Amino acid sequence: EGVHPYDVGGLLDKMGIALRTGHHCAQPVMAYYKIPGTLRASFAMYNTRAEIDLMMEGLEKALQMLR
């Protein structure tokens, strides 16, 4: 809360972590709840535990930088 998803997404991109930012085809719902956007991670069978850990570490680092 208090951090815009686009800012977090931009920092994660610079760390080499790809996440999707935006409304994800749900703009009316987000407008109703006054949500500026979200971050979405998409996982597949080929993602490793290490990649998930790296994403979580990057997310924590980005949030620390922006707060």
N, C-alpha and C. Protein backbone atom coordinates (compact mmCIF):
# COMPACT_ATOMS: atom_id res chain seq x y z
N GLU A 1 0.84 -1.18 0.00
CA GLU A 1 0.00 0.00 0.00
C GLU A 1 0.89 1.24 0.00
N GLY A 2 0.47 2.25 -0.75
CA GLY A 2 1.23 3.48 -0.82
C GLY A 2 2.33 3.47 -1.86
N VAL A 3 2.46 2.36 -2.58
CA VAL A 3 3.48 2.23 -3.62
C VAL A 3 2.75 1.88 -4.92
N HIS A 4 3.05 2.62 -5.98
CA HIS A 4 2.35 2.37 -7.25
C HIS A 4 2.93 1.12 -7.93
N PRO A 5 2.09 0.24 -8.44
CA PRO A 5 2.57 -1.00 -9.06
C PRO A 5 3.50 -0.76 -10.25
N TYR A 6 3.29 0.33 -10.99
CA TYR A 6 4.16 0.61 -12.14
C TYR A 6 5.59 0.91 -11.68
N ASP A 7 5.73 1.57 -10.53
CA ASP A 7 7.06 1.86 -9.99
C ASP A 7 7.77 0.58 -9.57
N VAL A 8 7.03 -0.30 -8.90
CA VAL A 8 7.60 -1.59 -8.49
C VAL A 8 7.98 -2.40 -9.72
N GLY A 9 7.10 -2.45 -10.70
CA GLY A 9 7.37 -3.20 -11.92
C GLY A 9 8.59 -2.69 -12.65
N GLY A 10 8.77 -1.37 -12.68
CA GLY A 10 9.95 -0.79 -13.34
C GLY A 10 11.24 -1.17 -12.65
N LEU A 11 11.24 -1.13 -11.32
CA LEU A 11 12.44 -1.53 -10.58
C LEU A 11 12.74 -3.01 -10.77
N LEU A 12 11.72 -3.84 -10.72
CA LEU A 12 11.93 -5.28 -10.91
C LEU A 12 12.45 -5.57 -12.31
N ASP A 13 11.96 -4.83 -13.30
CA ASP A 13 12.45 -4.99 -14.67
C ASP A 13 13.95 -4.71 -14.75
N LYS A 14 14.39 -3.68 -14.05
CA LYS A 14 15.82 -3.34 -14.04
C LYS A 14 16.65 -4.41 -13.34
N MET A 15 16.00 -5.21 -12.48
CA MET A 15 16.67 -6.31 -11.80
C MET A 15 16.61 -7.59 -12.62
N GLY A 16 15.97 -7.52 -13.79
CA GLY A 16 15.85 -8.70 -14.65
C GLY A 16 14.69 -9.60 -14.29
N ILE A 17 13.72 -9.07 -13.55
CA ILE A 17 12.56 -9.85 -13.12
C ILE A 17 11.35 -9.34 -13.90
N ALA A 18 10.71 -10.22 -14.65
CA ALA A 18 9.58 -9.83 -15.50
C ALA A 18 8.26 -10.12 -14.81
N LEU A 19 7.52 -9.06 -14.53
CA LEU A 19 6.17 -9.15 -14.01
C LEU A 19 5.27 -8.29 -14.89
N ARG A 20 4.01 -8.52 -14.83
CA ARG A 20 3.06 -7.71 -15.60
C ARG A 20 2.44 -6.68 -14.67
N THR A 21 2.37 -5.43 -15.12
CA THR A 21 1.69 -4.39 -14.36
C THR A 21 0.48 -3.91 -15.14
N GLY A 22 -0.51 -3.41 -14.46
CA GLY A 22 -1.66 -2.84 -15.16
C GLY A 22 -2.98 -3.22 -14.55
N HIS A 23 -4.00 -3.23 -15.41
CA HIS A 23 -5.36 -3.53 -14.97
C HIS A 23 -5.79 -4.95 -15.31
N HIS A 24 -5.06 -5.62 -16.16
CA HIS A 24 -5.28 -7.02 -16.51
C HIS A 24 -6.73 -7.31 -16.92
N CYS A 25 -7.24 -6.47 -17.81
CA CYS A 25 -8.60 -6.62 -18.36
C CYS A 25 -9.68 -6.52 -17.28
N ALA A 26 -9.39 -5.80 -16.21
CA ALA A 26 -10.37 -5.64 -15.13
C ALA A 26 -10.49 -4.17 -14.72
N GLN A 27 -10.35 -3.26 -15.68
CA GLN A 27 -10.35 -1.83 -15.37
C GLN A 27 -11.63 -1.37 -14.68
N PRO A 28 -12.83 -1.81 -15.08
CA PRO A 28 -14.03 -1.36 -14.36
C PRO A 28 -14.02 -1.76 -12.88
N VAL A 29 -13.58 -2.96 -12.59
CA VAL A 29 -13.52 -3.41 -11.20
C VAL A 29 -12.50 -2.60 -10.42
N MET A 30 -11.34 -2.39 -11.01
CA MET A 30 -10.29 -1.62 -10.33
C MET A 30 -10.71 -0.17 -10.13
N ALA A 31 -11.42 0.40 -11.10
CA ALA A 31 -11.92 1.77 -10.94
C ALA A 31 -12.94 1.83 -9.80
N TYR A 32 -13.81 0.84 -9.73
CA TYR A 32 -14.82 0.80 -8.67
C TYR A 32 -14.18 0.76 -7.29
N TYR A 33 -13.12 -0.05 -7.14
CA TYR A 33 -12.45 -0.18 -5.85
C TYR A 33 -11.30 0.81 -5.68
N LYS A 34 -11.12 1.70 -6.66
CA LYS A 34 -10.07 2.72 -6.63
C LYS A 34 -8.67 2.12 -6.48
N ILE A 35 -8.43 1.06 -7.25
CA ILE A 35 -7.12 0.40 -7.29
C ILE A 35 -6.40 0.91 -8.53
N PRO A 36 -5.20 1.52 -8.37
CA PRO A 36 -4.51 2.10 -9.53
C PRO A 36 -3.93 1.07 -10.49
N GLY A 37 -3.77 -0.14 -10.06
CA GLY A 37 -3.20 -1.20 -10.88
C GLY A 37 -2.67 -2.29 -9.97
N THR A 38 -2.19 -3.36 -10.58
CA THR A 38 -1.64 -4.47 -9.81
C THR A 38 -0.38 -4.99 -10.49
N LEU A 39 0.32 -5.85 -9.78
CA LEU A 39 1.43 -6.61 -10.33
C LEU A 39 0.97 -8.05 -10.46
N ARG A 40 1.36 -8.71 -11.54
CA ARG A 40 0.98 -10.11 -11.71
C ARG A 40 2.20 -10.91 -12.13
N ALA A 41 2.44 -11.98 -11.42
CA ALA A 41 3.49 -12.94 -11.79
C ALA A 41 2.81 -14.15 -12.41
N SER A 42 3.33 -14.61 -13.51
CA SER A 42 2.80 -15.81 -14.16
C SER A 42 3.83 -16.92 -14.06
N PHE A 43 3.42 -18.03 -13.50
CA PHE A 43 4.33 -19.15 -13.31
C PHE A 43 3.94 -20.30 -14.24
N ALA A 44 4.93 -21.10 -14.57
CA ALA A 44 4.72 -22.27 -15.41
C ALA A 44 5.50 -23.44 -14.82
N MET A 45 5.31 -24.60 -15.39
CA MET A 45 5.97 -25.81 -14.89
C MET A 45 7.49 -25.69 -14.92
N TYR A 46 8.02 -24.88 -15.82
CA TYR A 46 9.47 -24.80 -15.96
C TYR A 46 10.11 -23.78 -15.02
N ASN A 47 9.32 -22.99 -14.28
CA ASN A 47 9.91 -22.07 -13.31
C ASN A 47 10.48 -22.85 -12.14
N THR A 48 11.61 -22.38 -11.65
CA THR A 48 12.27 -23.06 -10.54
C THR A 48 11.98 -22.34 -9.23
N ARG A 49 12.20 -23.04 -8.15
CA ARG A 49 12.06 -22.45 -6.81
C ARG A 49 13.02 -21.27 -6.66
N ALA A 50 14.22 -21.39 -7.23
CA ALA A 50 15.21 -20.31 -7.15
C ALA A 50 14.69 -19.05 -7.85
N GLU A 51 13.99 -19.21 -8.96
CA GLU A 51 13.43 -18.05 -9.67
C GLU A 51 12.33 -17.38 -8.84
N ILE A 52 11.54 -18.18 -8.17
CA ILE A 52 10.49 -17.63 -7.31
C ILE A 52 11.12 -16.89 -6.13
N ASP A 53 12.14 -17.48 -5.53
CA ASP A 53 12.85 -16.82 -4.43
C ASP A 53 13.47 -15.50 -4.89
N LEU A 54 14.05 -15.49 -6.08
CA LEU A 54 14.66 -14.28 -6.64
C LEU A 54 13.59 -13.20 -6.85
N MET A 55 12.42 -13.60 -7.33
CA MET A 55 11.34 -12.64 -7.51
C MET A 55 10.90 -12.04 -6.18
N MET A 56 10.77 -12.88 -5.17
CA MET A 56 10.35 -12.40 -3.85
C MET A 56 11.40 -11.46 -3.25
N GLU A 57 12.67 -11.80 -3.40
CA GLU A 57 13.74 -10.93 -2.90
C GLU A 57 13.72 -9.59 -3.64
N GLY A 58 13.52 -9.63 -4.94
CA GLY A 58 13.45 -8.40 -5.73
C GLY A 58 12.26 -7.56 -5.33
N LEU A 59 11.13 -8.19 -5.07
CA LEU A 59 9.94 -7.47 -4.65
C LEU A 59 10.17 -6.78 -3.31
N GLU A 60 10.76 -7.49 -2.36
CA GLU A 60 11.06 -6.90 -1.06
C GLU A 60 12.02 -5.72 -1.20
N LYS A 61 13.04 -5.88 -2.03
CA LYS A 61 14.02 -4.82 -2.25
C LYS A 61 13.36 -3.60 -2.89
N ALA A 62 12.53 -3.82 -3.90
CA ALA A 62 11.84 -2.71 -4.57
C ALA A 62 10.93 -1.96 -3.60
N LEU A 63 10.21 -2.69 -2.76
CA LEU A 63 9.32 -2.04 -1.80
C LEU A 63 10.10 -1.23 -0.78
N GLN A 64 11.24 -1.74 -0.34
CA GLN A 64 12.09 -0.99 0.59
C GLN A 64 12.59 0.30 -0.05
N MET A 65 12.93 0.24 -1.32
CA MET A 65 13.44 1.43 -2.02
C MET A 65 12.35 2.49 -2.19
N LEU A 66 11.11 2.07 -2.37
CA LEU A 66 10.03 3.00 -2.68
C LEU A 66 9.27 3.51 -1.45
N ARG A 67 9.48 2.91 -0.33
CA ARG A 67 8.76 3.36 0.89
C ARG A 67 9.53 4.41 1.63
